[in-house]
Amino acid sequence: MRTNVPHIFAIGDVAKNPMLAHKAVHEAHVAAEAAAGLKSHFDALVIPSVAYTDPEIAWVGLTEDEAKKTGAKVGVAKFPWSASGRAIANARDEGFTKLLFDAETHRVVGGGIVGAGAGDLISELALAVEMGADATDIGSTIHPHPTTSESVGMGAEAFEGVCTDLPPQRKR
């Protein structure tokens, strides 16, 4: 975060895109540590984005369009909130959770969530990408029930073909 002037640091909108407050906060931590003489650098693999609409739209990491443009081989799993007990109980079942996995390693590389509270839920996908989690890691993590957060786990289970909350999927 150091500029070409050694004692001046830059964060946020003047540093680089995306122009998001939550990215700037993390850059500020790095800048403060570096200014204090600590070894520190900004190395986020992904930065989540949220459209604060109704319903909310949140995404992180690689998108399907980016995968097509770059030739990246991905698998996609989508869990409809019409199959989520919590979303149904909240009368907000119009959403879905979509996860993108590397076709070979099954590591999560991105995802998107549409629905009430999607901005809160996207953090789990951001952490999964940062930590290199695969579909089994996510699917075997116990998510509380009934919550919309379990749609992340069920999406991963759907990718692996073991989700019992959806009709059986066709073999890939």
C-alpha atoms as a PDB file:
ATOM      1  CA  MET A   1       0.000   0.000   0.000  1.00  0.00           C
ATOM      2  CA  ARG A   2       3.120   2.196  -0.025  1.00  0.00           C
ATOM      3  CA  THR A   3       3.189   4.791  -2.798  1.00  0.00           C
ATOM      4  CA  ASN A   4       6.267   5.993  -4.685  1.00  0.00           C
ATOM      5  CA  VAL A   5       6.785   8.373  -1.744  1.00  0.00           C
ATOM      6  CA  PRO A   6       8.105   6.016   0.961  1.00  0.00           C
ATOM      7  CA  HIS A   7       6.238   7.550   3.911  1.00  0.00           C
ATOM      8  CA  ILE A   8       2.868   7.865   2.103  1.00  0.00           C
ATOM      9  CA  PHE A   9       0.423   4.984   1.829  1.00  0.00           C
ATOM     10  CA  ALA A  10      -2.730   4.733  -0.270  1.00  0.00           C
ATOM     11  CA  ILE A  11      -5.865   2.684   0.280  1.00  0.00           C
ATOM     12  CA  GLY A  12      -9.381   2.458  -1.072  1.00  0.00           C
ATOM     13  CA  ASP A  13     -10.527   4.250  -4.183  1.00  0.00           C
ATOM     14  CA  VAL A  14      -7.122   5.848  -4.845  1.00  0.00           C
ATOM     15  CA  ALA A  15      -5.257   2.540  -4.555  1.00  0.00           C
ATOM     16  CA  LYS A  16      -6.995   0.300  -7.081  1.00  0.00           C
ATOM     17  CA  ASN A  17     -10.331  -1.192  -8.016  1.00  0.00           C
ATOM     18  CA  PRO A  18     -12.743  -2.382  -6.899  1.00  0.00           C
ATOM     19  CA  MET A  19     -13.938   0.707  -5.070  1.00  0.00           C
ATOM     20  CA  LEU A  20     -15.438  -1.007  -2.031  1.00  0.00           C
ATOM     21  CA  ALA A  21     -15.288   0.100   1.588  1.00  0.00           C
ATOM     22  CA  HIS A  22     -14.660  -3.424   2.892  1.00  0.00           C
ATOM     23  CA  LYS A  23     -11.624  -3.764   0.615  1.00  0.00           C
ATOM     24  CA  ALA A  24     -10.318  -0.384   1.800  1.00  0.00           C
ATOM     25  CA  VAL A  25     -10.556  -1.455   5.455  1.00  0.00           C
ATOM     26  CA  HIS A  26      -8.322  -4.438   4.781  1.00  0.00           C
ATOM     27  CA  GLU A  27      -5.918  -2.269   2.802  1.00  0.00           C
ATOM     28  CA  ALA A  28      -5.814   0.160   5.748  1.00  0.00           C
ATOM     29  CA  HIS A  29      -4.745  -2.665   8.081  1.00  0.00           C
ATOM     30  CA  VAL A  30      -1.928  -3.554   5.693  1.00  0.00           C
ATOM     31  CA  ALA A  31      -0.870   0.089   5.338  1.00  0.00           C
ATOM     32  CA  ALA A  32      -0.829   0.599   9.117  1.00  0.00           C
ATOM     33  CA  GLU A  33       1.246  -2.535   9.664  1.00  0.00           C
ATOM     34  CA  ALA A  34       3.699  -1.537   6.924  1.00  0.00           C
ATOM     35  CA  ALA A  35       3.953   2.009   8.320  1.00  0.00           C
ATOM     36  CA  ALA A  36       4.755   0.456  11.712  1.00  0.00           C
ATOM     37  CA  GLY A  37       7.630  -1.466  10.139  1.00  0.00           C
ATOM     38  CA  LEU A  38       5.920  -4.865  10.017  1.00  0.00           C
ATOM     39  CA  LYS A  39       6.066  -7.104   6.975  1.00  0.00           C
ATOM     40  CA  SER A  40       2.596  -6.894   5.482  1.00  0.00           C
ATOM     41  CA  HIS A  41       0.987  -6.990   2.071  1.00  0.00           C
ATOM     42  CA  PHE A  42      -2.484  -7.103   0.568  1.00  0.00           C
ATOM     43  CA  ASP A  43      -2.969 -10.574  -0.888  1.00  0.00           C
ATOM     44  CA  ALA A  44      -6.713 -11.223  -1.107  1.00  0.00           C
ATOM     45  CA  LEU A  45      -7.596 -13.790  -3.752  1.00  0.00           C
ATOM     46  CA  VAL A  46     -11.168 -12.524  -3.954  1.00  0.00           C
ATOM     47  CA  ILE A  47     -13.212  -9.552  -2.800  1.00  0.00           C
ATOM     48  CA  PRO A  48     -16.955 -10.059  -2.405  1.00  0.00           C
ATOM     49  CA  SER A  49     -19.411  -7.639  -4.001  1.00  0.00           C
ATOM     50  CA  VAL A  50     -22.994  -6.917  -3.011  1.00  0.00           C
ATOM     51  CA  ALA A  51     -25.830  -5.118  -4.735  1.00  0.00           C
ATOM     52  CA  TYR A  52     -28.051  -3.905  -1.895  1.00  0.00           C
ATOM     53  CA  THR A  53     -31.270  -4.387  -3.812  1.00  0.00           C
ATOM     54  CA  ASP A  54     -34.361  -6.357  -2.887  1.00  0.00           C
ATOM     55  CA  PRO A  55     -33.582  -9.174  -3.149  1.00  0.00           C
ATOM     56  CA  GLU A  56     -29.862  -8.677  -2.570  1.00  0.00           C
ATOM     57  CA  ILE A  57     -27.365  -9.952  -5.124  1.00  0.00           C
ATOM     58  CA  ALA A  58     -23.889 -10.953  -3.979  1.00  0.00           C
ATOM     59  CA  TRP A  59     -20.991 -12.556  -5.807  1.00  0.00           C
ATOM     60  CA  VAL A  60     -17.365 -13.461  -5.312  1.00  0.00           C
ATOM     61  CA  GLY A  61     -14.570 -14.969  -7.382  1.00  0.00           C
ATOM     62  CA  LEU A  62     -14.904 -16.315 -10.881  1.00  0.00           C
ATOM     63  CA  THR A  63     -18.196 -15.931 -12.762  1.00  0.00           C
ATOM     64  CA  GLU A  64     -19.530 -18.222 -15.470  1.00  0.00           C
ATOM     65  CA  ASP A  65     -18.988 -15.500 -18.080  1.00  0.00           C
ATOM     66  CA  GLU A  66     -15.363 -15.036 -16.990  1.00  0.00           C
ATOM     67  CA  ALA A  67     -14.835 -18.802 -17.104  1.00  0.00           C
ATOM     68  CA  LYS A  68     -16.152 -18.929 -20.675  1.00  0.00           C
ATOM     69  CA  LYS A  69     -13.962 -16.008 -21.769  1.00  0.00           C
ATOM     70  CA  THR A  70     -10.796 -17.488 -20.244  1.00  0.00           C
ATOM     71  CA  GLY A  71     -11.550 -21.099 -21.129  1.00  0.00           C
ATOM     72  CA  ALA A  72     -11.539 -22.170 -17.492  1.00  0.00           C
ATOM     73  CA  LYS A  73     -13.317 -25.488 -17.015  1.00  0.00           C
ATOM     74  CA  VAL A  74     -15.862 -25.122 -14.234  1.00  0.00           C
ATOM     75  CA  GLY A  75     -18.769 -27.053 -12.864  1.00  0.00           C
ATOM     76  CA  VAL A  76     -21.818 -25.206 -11.619  1.00  0.00           C
ATOM     77  CA  ALA A  77     -24.261 -26.117  -8.882  1.00  0.00           C
ATOM     78  CA  LYS A  78     -27.379 -24.115  -8.144  1.00  0.00           C
ATOM     79  CA  PHE A  79     -29.561 -24.562  -5.078  1.00  0.00           C
ATOM     80  CA  PRO A  80     -32.977 -22.915  -5.394  1.00  0.00           C
ATOM     81  CA  TRP A  81     -34.302 -21.204  -2.301  1.00  0.00           C
ATOM     82  CA  SER A  82     -37.707 -22.663  -3.149  1.00  0.00           C
ATOM     83  CA  ALA A  83     -36.205 -25.827  -1.567  1.00  0.00           C
ATOM     84  CA  SER A  84     -34.998 -23.959   1.559  1.00  0.00           C
ATOM     85  CA  GLY A  85     -37.212 -24.371   4.608  1.00  0.00           C
ATOM     86  CA  ARG A  86     -36.034 -21.046   6.065  1.00  0.00           C
ATOM     87  CA  ALA A  87     -36.593 -19.107   2.833  1.00  0.00           C
ATOM     88  CA  ILE A  88     -40.067 -20.612   2.544  1.00  0.00           C
ATOM     89  CA  ALA A  89     -40.868 -19.800   6.181  1.00  0.00           C
ATOM     90  CA  ASN A  90     -39.658 -16.223   5.619  1.00  0.00           C
ATOM     91  CA  ALA A  91     -41.842 -15.954   2.491  1.00  0.00           C
ATOM     92  CA  ARG A  92     -38.607 -15.059   0.611  1.00  0.00           C
ATOM     93  CA  ASP A  93     -38.001 -18.139  -1.524  1.00  0.00           C
ATOM     94  CA  GLU A  94     -37.344 -16.240  -4.769  1.00  0.00           C
ATOM     95  CA  GLY A  95     -33.581 -16.625  -4.480  1.00  0.00           C
ATOM     96  CA  PHE A  96     -30.862 -19.153  -5.178  1.00  0.00           C
ATOM     97  CA  THR A  97     -27.281 -19.995  -4.305  1.00  0.00           C
ATOM     98  CA  LYS A  98     -24.889 -20.768  -7.158  1.00  0.00           C
ATOM     99  CA  LEU A  99     -21.416 -22.232  -6.693  1.00  0.00           C
ATOM    100  CA  LEU A 100     -18.682 -22.572  -9.295  1.00  0.00           C
ATOM    101  CA  PHE A 101     -16.102 -25.304  -8.900  1.00  0.00           C
ATOM    102  CA  ASP A 102     -12.915 -26.104 -10.749  1.00  0.00           C
ATOM    103  CA  ALA A 103     -13.966 -29.046 -12.920  1.00  0.00           C
ATOM    104  CA  GLU A 104     -10.849 -31.070 -12.091  1.00  0.00           C
ATOM    105  CA  THR A 105     -10.132 -30.352  -8.415  1.00  0.00           C
ATOM    106  CA  HIS A 106     -13.694 -29.525  -7.295  1.00  0.00           C
ATOM    107  CA  ARG A 107     -12.316 -26.491  -5.426  1.00  0.00           C
ATOM    108  CA  VAL A 108     -14.742 -23.607  -5.210  1.00  0.00           C
ATOM    109  CA  VAL A 109     -13.622 -20.762  -7.475  1.00  0.00           C
ATOM    110  CA  GLY A 110     -16.607 -18.452  -7.227  1.00  0.00           C
ATOM    111  CA  GLY A 111     -20.264 -18.116  -6.591  1.00  0.00           C
ATOM    112  CA  GLY A 112     -23.282 -15.920  -6.405  1.00  0.00           C
ATOM    113  CA  ILE A 113     -26.278 -15.617  -4.142  1.00  0.00           C
ATOM    114  CA  VAL A 114     -29.586 -13.926  -4.875  1.00  0.00           C
ATOM    115  CA  GLY A 115     -31.999 -13.499  -1.995  1.00  0.00           C
ATOM    116  CA  ALA A 116     -32.732 -11.752   1.259  1.00  0.00           C
ATOM    117  CA  GLY A 117     -29.472 -11.428   3.200  1.00  0.00           C
ATOM    118  CA  ALA A 118     -27.248 -12.528   0.301  1.00  0.00           C
ATOM    119  CA  GLY A 119     -24.664  -9.938   1.364  1.00  0.00           C
ATOM    120  CA  ASP A 120     -24.294 -11.698   4.704  1.00  0.00           C
ATOM    121  CA  LEU A 121     -24.114 -15.169   3.158  1.00  0.00           C
ATOM    122  CA  ILE A 122     -21.456 -14.414   0.527  1.00  0.00           C
ATOM    123  CA  SER A 123     -18.765 -14.333   3.209  1.00  0.00           C
ATOM    124  CA  GLU A 124     -18.815 -18.130   3.466  1.00  0.00           C
ATOM    125  CA  LEU A 125     -18.054 -18.428  -0.248  1.00  0.00           C
ATOM    126  CA  ALA A 126     -15.301 -15.806   0.000  1.00  0.00           C
ATOM    127  CA  LEU A 127     -13.702 -17.767   2.835  1.00  0.00           C
ATOM    128  CA  ALA A 128     -14.071 -21.032   0.900  1.00  0.00           C
ATOM    129  CA  VAL A 129     -12.247 -19.583  -2.119  1.00  0.00           C
ATOM    130  CA  GLU A 130      -9.519 -18.017   0.046  1.00  0.00           C
ATOM    131  CA  MET A 131      -8.963 -21.288   1.919  1.00  0.00           C
ATOM    132  CA  GLY A 132      -9.060 -23.533  -1.169  1.00  0.00           C
ATOM    133  CA  ALA A 133     -12.107 -25.481   0.023  1.00  0.00           C
ATOM    134  CA  ASP A 134     -13.586 -28.083  -2.260  1.00  0.00           C
ATOM    135  CA  ALA A 135     -17.172 -29.258  -2.657  1.00  0.00           C
ATOM    136  CA  THR A 136     -16.719 -32.022  -0.077  1.00  0.00           C
ATOM    137  CA  ASP A 137     -15.291 -29.565   2.483  1.00  0.00           C
ATOM    138  CA  ILE A 138     -18.284 -27.274   2.096  1.00  0.00           C
ATOM    139  CA  GLY A 139     -20.912 -30.002   1.823  1.00  0.00           C
ATOM    140  CA  SER A 140     -19.676 -31.876   4.871  1.00  0.00           C
ATOM    141  CA  THR A 141     -19.554 -28.726   7.014  1.00  0.00           C
ATOM    142  CA  ILE A 142     -22.596 -28.728   9.283  1.00  0.00           C
ATOM    143  CA  HIS A 143     -24.809 -25.741   8.564  1.00  0.00           C
ATOM    144  CA  PRO A 144     -27.592 -24.875  11.039  1.00  0.00           C
ATOM    145  CA  HIS A 145     -31.121 -25.823   9.997  1.00  0.00           C
ATOM    146  CA  PRO A 146     -33.305 -24.135   9.008  1.00  0.00           C
ATOM    147  CA  THR A 147     -31.196 -21.287   7.632  1.00  0.00           C
ATOM    148  CA  THR A 148     -30.528 -19.848   4.227  1.00  0.00           C
ATOM    149  CA  SER A 149     -26.814 -20.433   4.881  1.00  0.00           C
ATOM    150  CA  GLU A 150     -27.384 -24.152   4.481  1.00  0.00           C
ATOM    151  CA  SER A 151     -28.079 -23.442   0.806  1.00  0.00           C
ATOM    152  CA  VAL A 152     -24.283 -23.106   0.437  1.00  0.00           C
ATOM    153  CA  GLY A 153     -23.720 -26.595   1.858  1.00  0.00           C
ATOM    154  CA  MET A 154     -26.591 -28.045  -0.145  1.00  0.00           C
ATOM    155  CA  GLY A 155     -25.271 -26.434  -3.315  1.00  0.00           C
ATOM    156  CA  ALA A 156     -21.943 -28.164  -2.746  1.00  0.00           C
ATOM    157  CA  GLU A 157     -23.756 -31.438  -2.082  1.00  0.00           C
ATOM    158  CA  ALA A 158     -25.712 -30.942  -5.306  1.00  0.00           C
ATOM    159  CA  PHE A 159     -22.441 -30.519  -7.201  1.00  0.00           C
ATOM    160  CA  GLU A 160     -21.181 -33.823  -5.822  1.00  0.00           C
ATOM    161  CA  GLY A 161     -24.534 -35.510  -6.513  1.00  0.00           C
ATOM    162  CA  VAL A 162     -25.317 -36.264  -2.862  1.00  0.00           C
ATOM    163  CA  CYS A 163     -27.896 -33.597  -1.993  1.00  0.00           C
ATOM    164  CA  THR A 164     -31.002 -35.200  -0.477  1.00  0.00           C
ATOM    165  CA  ASP A 165     -32.953 -31.918  -0.515  1.00  0.00           C
ATOM    166  CA  LEU A 166     -33.286 -31.832  -4.296  1.00  0.00           C
ATOM    167  CA  PRO A 167     -34.498 -34.362  -6.862  1.00  0.00           C
ATOM    168  CA  PRO A 168     -31.662 -36.538  -8.199  1.00  0.00           C
ATOM    169  CA  GLN A 169     -29.557 -34.730 -10.792  1.00  0.00           C
ATOM    170  CA  ARG A 170     -28.550 -36.200 -14.105  1.00  0.00           C
ATOM    171  CA  LYS A 171     -25.099 -37.747 -14.182  1.00  0.00           C
ATOM    172  CA  ARG A 172     -22.406 -35.476 -15.602  1.00  0.00           C
END
